[in-house]
Amino acid sequence: MRWEGRWGSFARGLGRALFVLYCLEAGFFLVMIPWRDFWPRLLTSVPLDGLRIWLESSLGRGAVTGFGLIHLVWGVHDLHGILSGVRRSRPSAGEEPTS
């Protein structure tokens, strides 16, 4: 069964808002966590020695940070799309609302 009308629009908007929230939170986490003091302790649970050594290096930390930056940019881009869509759907001061 397909949602129609307002509920479909609400569900799409809620899904987009949750995706933006995810991107911003994950991006912030991935940007900050590799450079914290407890990063090496978190990596003790990584089962592969080569991967753990690489993630402890500056190159591995930079890769995780870059992945976080991608999430942040994606979240800000989608947030801008949501906000500009809201502005476009509202009538201007001199316009009459369309139904």
Protein backbone atom coordinates (compact mmCIF):
# COMPACT_ATOMS: atom_id res chain seq x y z
CA MET A 1 0.00 0.00 0.00
CA ARG A 2 1.33 3.40 -0.93
CA TRP A 3 1.08 6.48 1.24
CA GLU A 4 -0.69 9.29 -0.52
CA GLY A 5 -1.06 13.00 0.01
CA ARG A 6 0.16 14.64 3.17
CA TRP A 7 1.35 11.49 4.90
CA GLY A 8 3.57 10.59 1.97
CA SER A 9 5.06 14.05 1.95
CA PHE A 10 5.53 13.92 5.73
CA ALA A 11 7.24 10.53 5.53
CA ARG A 12 9.63 11.72 2.80
CA GLY A 13 10.44 14.86 4.76
CA LEU A 14 11.00 12.90 7.95
CA GLY A 15 13.23 10.43 6.12
CA ARG A 16 15.30 13.25 4.65
CA ALA A 17 15.59 14.96 8.03
CA LEU A 18 16.73 11.73 9.71
CA PHE A 19 19.29 11.16 6.94
CA VAL A 20 20.66 14.69 7.43
CA LEU A 21 20.85 14.09 11.17
CA TYR A 22 22.69 10.81 10.61
CA CYS A 23 25.17 12.39 8.19
CA LEU A 24 25.95 15.29 10.52
CA GLU A 25 26.35 13.09 13.60
CA ALA A 26 28.41 10.40 11.87
CA GLY A 27 30.52 13.03 10.14
CA PHE A 28 31.27 14.87 13.35
CA PHE A 29 32.11 11.59 15.10
CA LEU A 30 34.40 10.38 12.31
CA VAL A 31 36.19 13.72 12.08
CA MET A 32 36.85 14.01 15.81
CA ILE A 33 37.37 10.48 17.15
CA PRO A 34 40.60 9.45 15.32
CA TRP A 35 42.50 12.34 16.91
CA ARG A 36 41.40 11.68 20.50
CA ASP A 37 43.68 10.04 23.08
CA PHE A 38 41.53 6.91 23.36
CA TRP A 39 41.64 6.07 19.62
CA PRO A 40 44.38 3.41 20.05
CA ARG A 41 42.38 1.77 22.85
CA LEU A 42 39.35 1.55 20.56
CA LEU A 43 41.47 -0.20 17.96
CA THR A 44 42.48 -3.04 20.29
CA SER A 45 39.29 -4.86 19.27
CA VAL A 46 40.22 -4.81 15.56
CA PRO A 47 41.13 -8.45 14.78
CA LEU A 48 43.51 -7.77 11.87
CA ASP A 49 46.94 -6.55 12.93
CA GLY A 50 47.69 -4.88 9.59
CA LEU A 51 44.44 -2.93 9.64
CA ARG A 52 44.96 -1.89 13.25
CA ILE A 53 48.49 -0.66 12.52
CA TRP A 54 47.25 1.27 9.47
CA LEU A 55 44.38 2.88 11.42
CA GLU A 56 46.82 3.95 14.15
CA SER A 57 48.99 5.75 11.58
CA SER A 58 48.40 9.34 10.51
CA LEU A 59 47.37 8.12 7.06
CA GLY A 60 44.65 5.87 8.51
CA ARG A 61 43.43 8.59 10.86
CA GLY A 62 43.32 11.00 7.94
CA ALA A 63 41.30 8.52 5.86
CA VAL A 64 38.73 8.15 8.65
CA THR A 65 38.62 11.94 9.01
CA GLY A 66 38.14 12.33 5.25
CA PHE A 67 35.25 9.87 5.33
CA GLY A 68 33.74 11.98 8.12
CA LEU A 69 34.16 15.14 6.06
CA ILE A 70 32.31 13.48 3.19
CA HIS A 71 29.43 12.75 5.58
CA LEU A 72 29.43 16.36 6.84
CA VAL A 73 29.38 17.83 3.33
CA TRP A 74 26.63 15.44 2.26
CA GLY A 75 24.53 16.31 5.32
CA VAL A 76 24.96 20.06 4.82
CA HIS A 77 24.12 19.67 1.11
CA ASP A 78 20.90 17.79 1.88
CA LEU A 79 20.02 20.22 4.67
CA HIS A 80 20.41 23.08 2.20
CA GLY A 81 18.13 21.21 -0.22
CA ILE A 82 15.47 20.77 2.45
CA LEU A 83 15.61 24.40 3.55
CA SER A 84 15.59 25.81 0.02
CA GLY A 85 12.63 23.54 -0.81
CA VAL A 86 10.72 24.91 2.17
CA ARG A 87 11.46 28.48 1.07
CA ARG A 88 10.32 27.74 -2.50
CA SER A 89 7.05 26.16 -1.38
CA ARG A 90 6.00 29.25 0.59
CA PRO A 91 4.43 32.09 -1.40
CA SER A 92 6.26 35.41 -1.55
CA ALA A 93 4.80 38.55 0.03
CA GLY A 94 2.99 39.68 -3.11
CA GLU A 95 1.92 36.24 -4.37
CA GLU A 96 -1.25 34.37 -3.67
CA PRO A 97 -0.94 30.80 -2.35
CA THR A 98 -1.65 28.09 -4.90
CA SER A 99 -3.73 25.08 -3.99
